[in-house]
Amino acid sequence: MERTRLTCTLRQISPFLSSLKYILVISVLSAGVFFLFIPASVRTEEINRIILDTDISSDVDDVGAVAVLHALADQRKAQILGIMVSSGDPWSGNCLDALNTSFGRPDIPIGVIKDPAVTHVSKYTRYIAENYPNDLSKEDILAAVSLYRKILASQPDHSVTVISIGYLSNLDRLLRSGPDAFSPLDGKTLVKKKVKRLVCMGGEFPEGREWNLYQDAAASSFVVARWPVALDFCGFEIGRRILTGQVLQNILTDHPLKKSYQLFNNLTNRQSWDQVAVLQGVIAETSPDKYWEMTSHGVVQVDAKGNNSWRAEKSGLHRYMLWTSRTEQLTHVIDKLMFAAAGRAVKPEPE
């Protein structure tokens, strides 16, 4: 069966299928064609609505996290509503667009932080932006706070999970934002109405000082103290024990995921702080695929220097991830997801 003919056929009947109670999923494997009926309503409800906020620039685990999120979207476990950039690196937005394009989703909305912003020189963002297909222009780019407001205003109440794997600068500005053309609500009220949970790769627990929080300590302190819904942390101590990335050597094509790791550390393993946070944001706590435990509720505090501390409190909205005997298995889970994302990448058609 020709792939082109199958794609056209599915496109022609997709409006019909979407109206049915059951969705027909066709899997074409080397052994043959397999058909599977999945209840449409159940599958729709299971998909997590995700906004990712990344400082993609200073480290390469952000690139790995983007790959993991796309792989989970391929599995219909996540719907990527938009991706925000908290880094002031001028190449970050186009690098991100190139990655999204390589993973077959070139039209994901991207919002970037406006000055002032934390900025570091990157080993890979400019190269990826200049050498891989992307079409993000200055006219296309919204300020991250505006895109947050636009997306959140259009979503059902209490339906969005925000995953922050960078600085909390964008979320600080979101909470401080006022009514605009997208919503009559102020930022904090909009978040409380539309967001069900924030997952933050930040901090070291039960206490410590970690990069994402201290780079913009004022923003971190403000967001952590005033975020109005559940806030789960994935601390430094978790991701530093999960080493991934070397498997990307086995990708035969010059994929931008592979190239990013090559430019950053010559395709050796790297800690997986951000990939773990993406998994934490997407995988349900009741899922058998859960590889960690969470603390009981409490309160995290961040001081003016970015130091974080923890105290247990029943009424608190905060929790943090705990290492278990299964957590080390995330090494294999993340490597497989990153490799799968690159393997399913859609190459641009020749003009």
Protein backbone atom coordinates (compact mmCIF):
# COMPACT_ATOMS: atom_id res chain seq x y z
CA MET A 1 0.00 0.00 0.00
CA GLU A 2 1.39 3.35 -0.96
CA ARG A 3 1.90 5.74 1.94
CA THR A 4 0.69 8.71 -0.13
CA ARG A 5 -2.53 6.97 -1.11
CA LEU A 6 -3.22 5.90 2.48
CA THR A 7 -2.61 9.46 3.76
CA CYS A 8 -5.00 10.95 1.20
CA THR A 9 -7.68 8.40 2.03
CA LEU A 10 -7.47 9.11 5.73
CA ARG A 11 -7.66 12.85 5.13
CA GLN A 12 -10.78 12.40 3.02
CA ILE A 13 -12.62 10.36 5.64
CA SER A 14 -11.32 12.11 8.77
CA PRO A 15 -14.37 14.43 9.08
CA PHE A 16 -16.56 11.33 9.00
CA LEU A 17 -14.46 9.48 11.56
CA SER A 18 -14.43 12.43 13.94
CA SER A 19 -18.22 12.29 14.15
CA LEU A 20 -18.25 8.64 15.15
CA LYS A 21 -18.36 7.28 18.65
CA TYR A 22 -15.24 5.24 17.85
CA ILE A 23 -12.07 6.23 16.05
CA LEU A 24 -10.39 3.81 13.68
CA VAL A 25 -6.64 3.73 14.21
CA ILE A 26 -4.58 2.06 11.49
CA SER A 27 -1.07 0.88 12.31
CA VAL A 28 1.11 -0.07 9.38
CA LEU A 29 3.92 -2.36 10.49
CA SER A 30 6.37 -4.54 8.65
CA ALA A 31 4.24 -7.57 9.46
CA GLY A 32 1.07 -6.10 8.02
CA VAL A 33 -1.77 -3.68 8.67
CA PHE A 34 -3.49 -3.72 12.05
CA PHE A 35 -6.82 -2.09 12.91
CA LEU A 36 -7.81 -0.86 16.33
CA PHE A 37 -11.02 0.84 17.44
CA ILE A 38 -10.58 3.30 20.30
CA PRO A 39 -13.50 5.09 22.00
CA ALA A 40 -13.27 8.67 20.77
CA SER A 41 -14.55 10.30 23.94
CA VAL A 42 -12.16 8.39 26.18
CA ARG A 43 -9.12 9.12 24.05
CA THR A 44 -9.93 12.83 23.88
CA GLU A 45 -10.30 13.11 27.64
CA GLU A 46 -7.00 11.34 28.26
CA ILE A 47 -4.95 13.77 26.22
CA ASN A 48 -3.21 16.33 28.43
CA ARG A 49 -3.30 19.96 27.26
CA ILE A 50 0.29 21.15 27.67
CA ILE A 51 2.07 24.49 27.53
CA LEU A 52 5.85 24.09 27.77
CA ASP A 53 8.02 26.96 29.03
CA THR A 54 11.72 26.45 28.25
CA ASP A 55 15.02 28.33 28.52
CA ILE A 56 16.30 26.44 25.48
CA SER A 57 19.84 27.76 25.03
CA SER A 58 22.21 27.13 27.92
CA ASP A 59 21.79 23.36 28.22
CA VAL A 60 20.77 20.59 25.85
CA ASP A 61 18.28 18.78 28.09
CA ASP A 62 15.72 21.36 26.90
CA VAL A 63 16.10 19.94 23.38
CA GLY A 64 15.66 16.45 24.78
CA ALA A 65 12.56 17.58 26.67
CA VAL A 66 11.02 19.00 23.49
CA ALA A 67 11.67 15.65 21.79
CA VAL A 68 10.07 13.74 24.68
CA LEU A 69 7.00 15.96 24.55
CA HIS A 70 6.59 15.39 20.81
CA ALA A 71 6.97 11.63 21.30
CA LEU A 72 4.23 11.71 23.94
CA ALA A 73 2.07 13.74 21.55
CA ASP A 74 2.67 11.04 18.92
CA GLN A 75 1.29 8.57 21.47
CA ARG A 76 -1.78 10.83 21.98
CA LYS A 77 -0.86 11.41 25.60
CA ALA A 78 -0.28 15.14 25.14
CA GLN A 79 -1.64 18.00 23.07
CA ILE A 80 0.97 20.73 22.68
CA LEU A 81 -0.91 24.03 22.89
CA GLY A 82 2.18 26.23 22.68
CA ILE A 83 5.79 26.56 23.74
CA MET A 84 7.24 29.61 25.48
CA VAL A 85 10.88 30.69 25.58
CA SER A 86 12.20 32.20 28.82
CA SER A 87 15.75 32.70 27.52
CA GLY A 88 16.85 35.99 25.99
CA ASP A 89 19.01 34.17 23.43
CA PRO A 90 17.89 35.69 20.08
CA TRP A 91 18.26 32.30 18.33
CA SER A 92 16.14 30.30 20.77
CA GLY A 93 12.80 30.88 19.06
CA ASN A 94 13.95 29.81 15.61
CA CYS A 95 15.88 26.87 17.04
CA LEU A 96 12.68 25.73 18.74
CA ASP A 97 10.69 26.20 15.54
CA ALA A 98 13.25 24.11 13.65
CA LEU A 99 12.88 21.33 16.22
CA ASN A 100 9.08 21.45 16.05
CA THR A 101 9.29 21.32 12.26
CA SER A 102 11.62 18.32 12.37
CA PHE A 103 9.15 16.50 14.63
CA GLY A 104 6.31 17.12 12.18
CA ARG A 105 4.55 19.96 14.03
CA PRO A 106 5.78 23.17 12.36
CA ASP A 107 2.81 25.31 13.40
CA ILE A 108 2.99 25.06 17.19
CA PRO A 109 2.65 28.63 18.52
CA ILE A 110 5.86 29.99 20.03
CA GLY A 111 6.05 32.91 22.44
CA VAL A 112 9.31 34.55 23.47
CA ILE A 113 10.26 36.64 26.45
CA LYS A 114 10.83 40.34 25.89
CA ASP A 115 13.71 42.26 27.46
CA PRO A 116 14.89 42.25 30.14
CA ALA A 117 15.66 38.55 30.04
CA VAL A 118 18.25 36.08 31.28
CA THR A 119 20.65 35.49 28.40
CA HIS A 120 23.49 33.02 27.92
CA VAL A 121 25.58 32.05 24.90
CA SER A 122 24.42 28.73 23.47
CA LYS A 123 26.47 25.99 21.85
CA TYR A 124 23.70 24.97 19.46
CA THR A 125 20.74 27.38 19.04
CA ARG A 126 22.22 29.53 16.27
CA TYR A 127 23.46 26.55 14.29
CA ILE A 128 20.10 24.78 14.46
CA ALA A 129 18.23 27.97 13.57
CA GLU A 130 20.44 28.68 10.56
CA ASN A 131 20.82 25.15 9.20
CA TYR A 132 17.43 23.46 9.60
CA PRO A 133 14.04 24.42 8.10
CA ASN A 134 12.01 26.90 10.14
CA ASP A 135 9.85 29.86 9.22
CA LEU A 136 9.37 31.76 12.45
CA SER A 137 9.55 35.49 11.71
CA LYS A 138 9.46 38.51 13.97
CA GLU A 139 5.93 39.16 12.74
CA ASP A 140 4.83 35.68 13.87
CA ILE A 141 6.25 35.87 17.37
CA LEU A 142 4.06 37.00 20.22
CA ALA A 143 5.45 38.03 23.57
CA ALA A 144 5.21 34.97 25.78
CA VAL A 145 2.82 36.62 28.22
CA SER A 146 0.45 37.53 25.36
CA LEU A 147 0.53 34.02 23.95
CA TYR A 148 -0.09 32.56 27.40
CA ARG A 149 -3.17 34.74 27.74
CA LYS A 150 -4.40 33.94 24.22
CA ILE A 151 -4.06 30.18 24.71
CA LEU A 152 -5.44 30.03 28.24
CA ALA A 153 -8.49 32.15 27.36
CA SER A 154 -9.45 29.65 24.65
CA GLN A 155 -9.20 26.50 26.81
CA PRO A 156 -11.76 24.80 29.05
CA ASP A 157 -11.59 25.67 32.74
CA HIS A 158 -9.02 23.81 34.85
CA SER A 159 -7.72 21.90 31.82
CA VAL A 160 -4.16 23.10 31.12
CA THR A 161 -0.91 21.81 32.56
CA VAL A 162 2.01 24.22 32.36
CA ILE A 163 5.46 22.61 32.42
CA SER A 164 8.28 25.01 33.24
CA ILE A 165 11.79 23.74 32.47
CA GLY A 166 13.49 27.13 32.53
CA TYR A 167 13.35 30.44 34.32
CA LEU A 168 10.04 31.57 35.84
CA SER A 169 10.27 35.00 34.20
CA ASN A 170 7.37 34.44 31.78
CA LEU A 171 5.10 33.12 34.52
CA ASP A 172 5.98 36.09 36.72
CA ARG A 173 4.82 38.42 33.95
CA LEU A 174 1.72 36.34 33.33
CA LEU A 175 0.63 36.59 36.96
CA ARG A 176 1.20 40.36 36.90
CA SER A 177 -0.63 40.87 33.59
CA GLY A 178 -3.85 42.78 33.29
CA PRO A 179 -6.96 42.41 31.11
CA ASP A 180 -6.38 42.55 27.36
CA ALA A 181 -8.02 41.66 24.04
CA PHE A 182 -7.79 37.94 24.87
CA SER A 183 -9.41 37.99 28.32
CA PRO A 184 -11.00 40.50 30.70
CA LEU A 185 -9.35 38.66 33.60
CA ASP A 186 -6.12 39.63 35.28
CA GLY A 187 -3.28 37.13 35.03
CA LYS A 188 -3.66 35.44 38.40
CA THR A 189 -7.41 35.01 37.96
CA LEU A 190 -6.93 33.67 34.44
CA VAL A 191 -4.41 31.10 35.69
CA LYS A 192 -6.72 30.03 38.52
CA LYS A 193 -9.60 29.60 36.09
CA LYS A 194 -7.81 27.74 33.29
CA VAL A 195 -4.74 25.95 34.70
CA LYS A 196 -5.01 22.77 36.71
CA ARG A 197 -1.31 22.34 37.56
CA LEU A 198 2.16 23.78 37.12
CA VAL A 199 5.09 21.37 36.99
CA CYS A 200 8.37 23.16 37.65
CA MET A 201 11.84 21.77 37.04
CA GLY A 202 13.44 23.92 39.70
CA GLY A 203 14.90 23.82 43.17
CA GLU A 204 16.75 21.16 45.13
CA PHE A 205 14.91 19.35 47.90
CA PRO A 206 14.25 19.51 50.70
CA GLU A 207 16.40 22.63 50.42
CA GLY A 208 19.09 24.00 48.15
CA ARG A 209 19.90 26.44 45.37
CA GLU A 210 19.30 25.52 41.73
CA TRP A 211 19.95 27.19 38.34
CA ASN A 212 16.40 27.72 37.09
CA LEU A 213 15.32 29.43 40.30
CA TYR A 214 18.34 31.60 41.03
CA GLN A 215 18.88 32.92 37.49
CA ASP A 216 15.80 35.11 37.99
CA ALA A 217 15.37 34.83 41.74
CA ALA A 218 12.88 37.70 41.99
CA ALA A 219 10.55 36.05 39.47
CA SER A 220 10.96 32.64 41.13
CA SER A 221 10.13 34.01 44.56
CA PHE A 222 7.05 35.83 43.24
CA VAL A 223 5.67 32.92 41.21
CA VAL A 224 6.21 30.26 43.86
CA ALA A 225 4.57 32.43 46.53
CA ARG A 226 1.57 33.50 44.45
CA TRP A 227 0.80 30.68 42.03
CA PRO A 228 -2.90 30.03 42.71
CA VAL A 229 -3.22 26.33 41.78
CA ALA A 230 -1.28 23.10 42.32
CA LEU A 231 2.49 23.41 41.87
CA ASP A 232 4.61 20.26 41.66
CA PHE A 233 8.41 20.45 41.65
CA CYS A 234 10.91 18.18 39.96
CA GLY A 235 14.13 18.91 41.81
CA PHE A 236 17.75 18.99 40.71
CA GLU A 237 18.46 15.83 42.71
CA ILE A 238 16.21 13.72 40.45
CA GLY A 239 17.40 14.60 36.95
CA ARG A 240 21.09 14.60 37.80
CA ARG A 241 20.94 10.82 38.31
CA ILE A 242 19.22 10.15 34.96
CA LEU A 243 21.84 10.20 32.19
CA THR A 244 20.58 10.10 28.60
CA GLY A 245 21.45 11.14 25.06
CA GLN A 246 24.29 8.88 23.93
CA VAL A 247 21.74 6.65 22.19
CA LEU A 248 21.22 9.47 19.67
CA GLN A 249 24.49 8.40 18.04
CA ASN A 250 22.42 5.66 16.44
CA ILE A 251 20.24 8.09 14.49
CA LEU A 252 21.42 7.73 10.92
CA THR A 253 20.18 11.10 9.68
CA ASP A 254 21.56 14.52 10.59
CA HIS A 255 18.53 15.29 12.72
CA PRO A 256 18.57 18.56 14.73
CA LEU A 257 18.00 16.63 17.96
CA LYS A 258 21.15 14.62 17.32
CA LYS A 259 23.03 17.69 16.10
CA SER A 260 22.15 19.67 19.23
CA TYR A 261 23.65 16.99 21.46
CA GLN A 262 26.66 16.70 19.18
CA LEU A 263 27.34 20.44 19.41
CA PHE A 264 26.76 20.50 23.16
CA ASN A 265 28.73 17.48 24.38
CA ASN A 266 29.70 15.39 21.34
CA LEU A 267 26.81 12.97 21.85
CA THR A 268 27.77 11.78 25.30
CA ASN A 269 25.20 11.29 28.03
CA ARG A 270 23.81 14.32 29.83
CA GLN A 271 21.67 14.77 32.94
CA SER A 272 17.93 14.71 32.18
CA TRP A 273 16.38 17.32 34.46
CA ASP A 274 13.96 18.68 31.87
CA GLN A 275 12.88 15.39 30.31
CA VAL A 276 11.85 14.08 33.74
CA ALA A 277 9.74 17.19 34.32
CA VAL A 278 7.94 16.69 31.00
CA LEU A 279 7.12 13.12 31.97
CA GLN A 280 5.92 14.33 35.35
CA GLY A 281 3.62 16.81 33.64
CA VAL A 282 2.11 14.34 31.19
CA ILE A 283 1.91 10.97 32.95
CA ALA A 284 -1.06 10.68 35.30
CA GLU A 285 -0.32 9.86 38.92
CA THR A 286 -2.58 6.82 38.73
CA SER A 287 -0.77 5.49 35.67
CA PRO A 288 1.20 2.23 35.93
CA ASP A 289 3.86 4.09 33.94
CA LYS A 290 4.61 6.34 36.91
CA TYR A 291 8.22 5.99 38.05
CA TRP A 292 8.24 8.19 41.15
CA GLU A 293 6.32 9.25 44.24
CA MET A 294 5.32 12.69 45.45
CA THR A 295 5.54 14.21 48.91
CA SER A 296 2.44 15.15 50.83
CA HIS A 297 1.33 18.76 50.49
CA GLY A 298 3.47 21.61 51.76
CA VAL A 299 4.94 25.01 50.98
CA VAL A 300 8.11 25.86 49.04
CA GLN A 301 9.72 29.23 49.68
CA VAL A 302 12.30 30.93 47.47
CA ASP A 303 14.36 33.79 48.89
CA ALA A 304 15.93 36.78 47.17
CA LYS A 305 19.03 34.79 46.22
CA GLY A 306 17.12 31.86 44.76
CA ASN A 307 17.57 29.51 47.72
CA ASN A 308 14.59 27.21 48.21
CA SER A 309 13.26 25.55 51.34
CA TRP A 310 10.39 23.23 52.16
CA ARG A 311 7.94 22.77 54.99
CA ALA A 312 5.08 20.28 55.20
CA GLU A 313 1.64 21.87 55.47
CA LYS A 314 -1.70 20.17 54.79
CA SER A 315 -3.21 23.26 53.20
CA GLY A 316 -0.20 23.88 50.96
CA LEU A 317 -0.46 23.71 47.16
CA HIS A 318 3.10 22.45 46.66
CA ARG A 319 4.71 19.00 46.41
CA TYR A 320 8.00 17.66 45.11
CA MET A 321 9.09 14.45 43.42
CA LEU A 322 10.69 11.64 45.39
CA TRP A 323 13.17 9.08 44.07
CA THR A 324 11.99 5.46 44.24
CA SER A 325 13.40 2.11 43.20
CA ARG A 326 11.72 2.55 39.80
CA THR A 327 12.97 6.06 39.05
CA GLU A 328 16.26 4.88 37.56
CA GLN A 329 14.23 3.20 34.81
CA LEU A 330 13.54 6.67 33.43
CA THR A 331 16.95 6.50 31.75
CA HIS A 332 15.63 3.91 29.31
CA VAL A 333 12.20 5.53 29.02
CA ILE A 334 13.66 8.91 28.04
CA ASP A 335 16.22 7.49 25.62
CA LYS A 336 13.48 5.49 23.86
CA LEU A 337 11.17 8.51 23.63
CA MET A 338 13.87 10.80 22.24
CA PHE A 339 14.93 8.21 19.70
CA ALA A 340 11.31 7.57 18.71
CA ALA A 341 10.66 11.27 18.20
CA ALA A 342 13.57 11.57 15.78
CA GLY A 343 12.63 8.34 14.06
CA ARG A 344 9.11 9.61 13.31
CA ALA A 345 10.33 12.99 12.12
CA VAL A 346 8.78 14.36 8.96
CA LYS A 347 11.29 15.55 6.41
CA PRO A 348 10.28 18.56 4.28
CA GLU A 349 9.12 17.69 0.80
CA PRO A 350 11.52 18.86 -1.95
CA GLU A 351 10.27 21.95 -3.78
